[in-house]
N, C-alpha and C. Protein backbone atom coordinates (compact mmCIF):
# COMPACT_ATOMS: atom_id res chain seq x y z
N UNK A 1 -42.28 6.72 -7.85
CA UNK A 1 -42.81 8.35 -8.17
C UNK A 1 -41.61 9.09 -9.32
N UNK A 2 -41.86 9.41 -10.32
CA UNK A 2 -40.88 10.02 -11.05
C UNK A 2 -40.28 11.33 -10.12
N UNK A 3 -39.08 11.74 -10.76
CA UNK A 3 -38.40 12.37 -10.25
C UNK A 3 -38.28 13.97 -11.06
N UNK A 4 -38.34 15.01 -10.23
CA UNK A 4 -38.51 16.38 -10.94
C UNK A 4 -37.51 16.55 -12.05
N UNK A 5 -38.23 17.16 -13.27
CA UNK A 5 -37.44 17.20 -14.29
C UNK A 5 -37.23 18.59 -14.82
N UNK A 6 -36.19 19.51 -15.20
CA UNK A 6 -36.12 20.44 -15.83
C UNK A 6 -35.49 20.55 -17.34
N UNK A 7 -35.91 21.44 -18.25
CA UNK A 7 -35.43 21.80 -19.67
C UNK A 7 -35.12 23.16 -19.87
N UNK A 8 -34.50 23.75 -20.54
CA UNK A 8 -34.19 25.06 -20.85
C UNK A 8 -34.98 25.17 -22.47
N UNK A 9 -35.59 26.04 -22.40
CA UNK A 9 -36.42 26.44 -23.43
C UNK A 9 -36.04 27.63 -24.04
N UNK A 10 -35.62 28.28 -25.16
CA UNK A 10 -35.40 29.71 -25.25
C UNK A 10 -35.06 30.74 -24.28
N UNK A 11 -33.76 30.27 -23.48
CA UNK A 11 -33.14 31.03 -22.25
C UNK A 11 -34.25 30.83 -21.33
N UNK A 12 -35.30 30.33 -20.89
CA UNK A 12 -36.10 30.16 -19.77
C UNK A 12 -36.22 28.46 -19.60
N UNK A 13 -36.60 28.41 -18.34
CA UNK A 13 -36.58 26.88 -17.65
C UNK A 13 -37.94 26.51 -17.84
N UNK A 14 -37.98 25.62 -17.64
CA UNK A 14 -39.64 24.50 -17.37
C UNK A 14 -39.50 23.77 -16.10
N UNK A 15 -39.73 23.67 -15.50
CA UNK A 15 -39.31 22.71 -14.36
C UNK A 15 -40.72 21.85 -14.27
N UNK A 16 -40.74 20.88 -14.04
CA UNK A 16 -41.70 19.34 -13.86
C UNK A 16 -41.59 18.99 -12.70
N UNK A 17 -42.58 18.85 -12.05
CA UNK A 17 -42.95 18.50 -10.50
C UNK A 17 -43.84 17.04 -10.50
N UNK A 18 -43.80 15.85 -10.34
CA UNK A 18 -44.15 14.57 -10.31
C UNK A 18 -45.38 15.32 -9.22
N UNK A 19 -46.70 14.69 -9.65
CA UNK A 19 -47.97 14.97 -8.67
C UNK A 19 -48.64 13.60 -8.76
N UNK A 20 -49.18 13.29 -7.65
CA UNK A 20 -49.89 12.07 -7.65
C UNK A 20 -51.42 12.51 -7.75
N UNK A 21 -52.01 12.90 -8.56
CA UNK A 21 -53.30 13.38 -8.83
C UNK A 21 -54.19 12.66 -9.80
N UNK A 22 -55.40 12.77 -9.55
CA UNK A 22 -56.10 11.91 -10.38
C UNK A 22 -56.51 12.58 -11.78
N UNK A 23 -56.26 13.85 -12.23
CA UNK A 23 -56.47 14.46 -13.23
C UNK A 23 -55.07 14.86 -13.95
N UNK A 24 -53.91 14.76 -13.35
CA UNK A 24 -52.96 15.15 -13.94
C UNK A 24 -51.38 14.51 -13.05
N UNK A 25 -50.62 14.15 -13.58
CA UNK A 25 -49.20 13.50 -12.97
C UNK A 25 -48.13 14.72 -12.85
N UNK A 26 -47.98 15.74 -13.73
CA UNK A 26 -47.12 16.66 -13.60
C UNK A 26 -47.69 18.01 -13.47
N UNK A 27 -46.86 18.77 -12.53
CA UNK A 27 -47.04 20.01 -12.38
C UNK A 27 -46.18 20.96 -12.72
N UNK A 28 -46.25 22.39 -13.44
CA UNK A 28 -45.23 22.91 -14.14
C UNK A 28 -44.96 24.31 -13.42
N UNK A 29 -44.05 24.71 -13.28
CA UNK A 29 -43.37 26.25 -13.42
C UNK A 29 -42.32 26.53 -14.37
N UNK A 30 -43.04 27.51 -14.71
CA UNK A 30 -41.48 28.34 -15.59
C UNK A 30 -41.04 29.64 -14.93
N UNK A 31 -39.90 29.41 -14.94
CA UNK A 31 -38.63 30.62 -14.67
C UNK A 31 -37.84 31.26 -15.49
N UNK A 32 -37.98 32.60 -15.42
CA UNK A 32 -37.21 33.31 -16.39
C UNK A 32 -35.76 33.18 -16.61
N UNK A 33 -35.08 33.81 -17.20
CA UNK A 33 -33.29 33.75 -17.75
C UNK A 33 -32.81 33.81 -16.08
N UNK A 34 -33.58 34.61 -15.29
CA UNK A 34 -32.82 35.11 -14.44
C UNK A 34 -32.89 34.04 -12.72
N UNK A 35 -34.14 33.03 -13.27
CA UNK A 35 -34.49 32.10 -12.28
C UNK A 35 -35.61 32.63 -11.07
N UNK A 36 -36.52 33.60 -11.85
CA UNK A 36 -37.70 33.77 -11.31
C UNK A 36 -38.89 33.30 -12.09
N UNK A 37 -39.47 32.98 -11.05
CA UNK A 37 -40.85 32.21 -11.26
C UNK A 37 -41.60 33.23 -11.71
N UNK A 38 -42.32 32.78 -13.24
CA UNK A 38 -43.02 33.87 -13.67
C UNK A 38 -44.80 33.10 -13.83
N UNK A 39 -44.66 31.38 -14.00
CA UNK A 39 -46.07 31.14 -14.21
C UNK A 39 -45.78 29.30 -13.46
N UNK A 40 -47.13 29.29 -12.77
CA UNK A 40 -47.27 28.03 -12.24
C UNK A 40 -48.61 27.36 -12.53
N UNK A 41 -48.59 25.67 -12.96
CA UNK A 41 -49.74 25.35 -13.22
C UNK A 41 -49.52 24.08 -12.53
N UNK A 42 -50.52 23.62 -11.93
CA UNK A 42 -50.41 22.65 -10.83
C UNK A 42 -50.60 21.30 -11.75
N UNK A 43 -51.74 21.51 -12.77
CA UNK A 43 -52.28 20.31 -13.46
C UNK A 43 -51.80 20.44 -15.04
N UNK A 44 -50.23 20.37 -14.92
CA UNK A 44 -49.80 20.71 -16.49
C UNK A 44 -50.05 19.17 -17.61
N UNK A 45 -50.21 18.07 -16.98
CA UNK A 45 -50.37 16.81 -17.84
C UNK A 45 -50.01 15.41 -17.76
N UNK A 46 -50.82 14.93 -18.06
CA UNK A 46 -50.70 13.58 -17.83
C UNK A 46 -49.20 12.65 -17.68
N UNK A 47 -48.29 13.15 -18.90
CA UNK A 47 -46.96 12.57 -19.39
C UNK A 47 -46.46 13.65 -19.46
N UNK A 48 -45.06 13.04 -19.00
CA UNK A 48 -44.03 14.23 -19.22
C UNK A 48 -43.71 15.00 -20.56
N UNK A 49 -44.04 14.20 -21.41
CA UNK A 49 -43.85 15.06 -22.40
C UNK A 49 -45.05 16.21 -22.70
N UNK A 50 -46.39 15.64 -22.42
CA UNK A 50 -47.35 16.67 -22.63
C UNK A 50 -46.89 17.89 -21.64
N UNK A 51 -46.71 17.51 -20.63
CA UNK A 51 -46.70 18.78 -19.70
C UNK A 51 -45.07 19.84 -20.30
N UNK A 52 -44.28 19.18 -21.09
CA UNK A 52 -42.93 20.11 -21.42
C UNK A 52 -43.66 20.50 -22.70
N UNK A 53 -44.53 20.02 -23.34
CA UNK A 53 -45.02 20.42 -24.27
C UNK A 53 -46.03 21.70 -24.17
N UNK A 54 -46.55 21.75 -23.30
CA UNK A 54 -47.52 23.17 -22.68
C UNK A 54 -46.44 23.88 -22.46
N UNK A 55 -45.65 23.58 -21.28
CA UNK A 55 -44.84 24.63 -20.88
C UNK A 55 -44.19 25.27 -21.92
N UNK A 56 -43.32 24.73 -23.48
CA UNK A 56 -43.15 25.37 -24.26
C UNK A 56 -44.01 25.97 -25.33
N UNK A 57 -45.33 25.94 -25.21
CA UNK A 57 -46.48 26.82 -26.01
C UNK A 57 -46.29 27.88 -25.08
N UNK A 58 -46.30 27.84 -23.61
CA UNK A 58 -46.82 28.87 -22.87
C UNK A 58 -45.76 30.28 -22.99
N UNK A 59 -44.56 29.38 -23.09
CA UNK A 59 -43.18 30.26 -23.28
C UNK A 59 -43.36 31.08 -24.62
N UNK A 60 -44.12 30.38 -25.72
CA UNK A 60 -44.21 30.85 -26.92
C UNK A 60 -45.34 31.66 -27.03
N UNK A 61 -45.99 31.64 -26.53
CA UNK A 61 -47.53 32.52 -26.42
C UNK A 61 -46.98 33.76 -25.74
N UNK A 62 -45.96 33.61 -24.55
CA UNK A 62 -45.68 34.49 -23.93
C UNK A 62 -45.09 35.86 -24.76
N UNK A 63 -43.93 34.99 -25.35
CA UNK A 63 -43.28 35.44 -26.53
C UNK A 63 -43.75 36.42 -27.75
N UNK A 64 -44.96 35.76 -28.07
CA UNK A 64 -45.80 36.52 -29.44
C UNK A 64 -46.25 37.40 -28.51
N UNK A 65 -46.82 37.38 -27.26
CA UNK A 65 -47.32 38.33 -26.62
C UNK A 65 -46.97 39.78 -26.44
N UNK A 66 -45.70 39.64 -26.09
CA UNK A 66 -44.51 40.89 -25.52
C UNK A 66 -44.28 41.18 -26.95
N UNK A 67 -44.43 40.76 -28.32
CA UNK A 67 -44.34 41.16 -29.52
C UNK A 67 -42.81 41.33 -30.00
């Protein structure tokens, strides 16, 4: 099984946790710059790359929403 993955993006952290699910292989958690969790997605993607991309898109969307 894969190991947990983290990536820093625009001052926030995307944390991927491997899952053994039929619909998704990765869960994702987004953390703000202080390490506080602000979003969790239990089924984020089938591949590490797709799950990281989803996390980046969510951060971009949240920044655009806040203006």
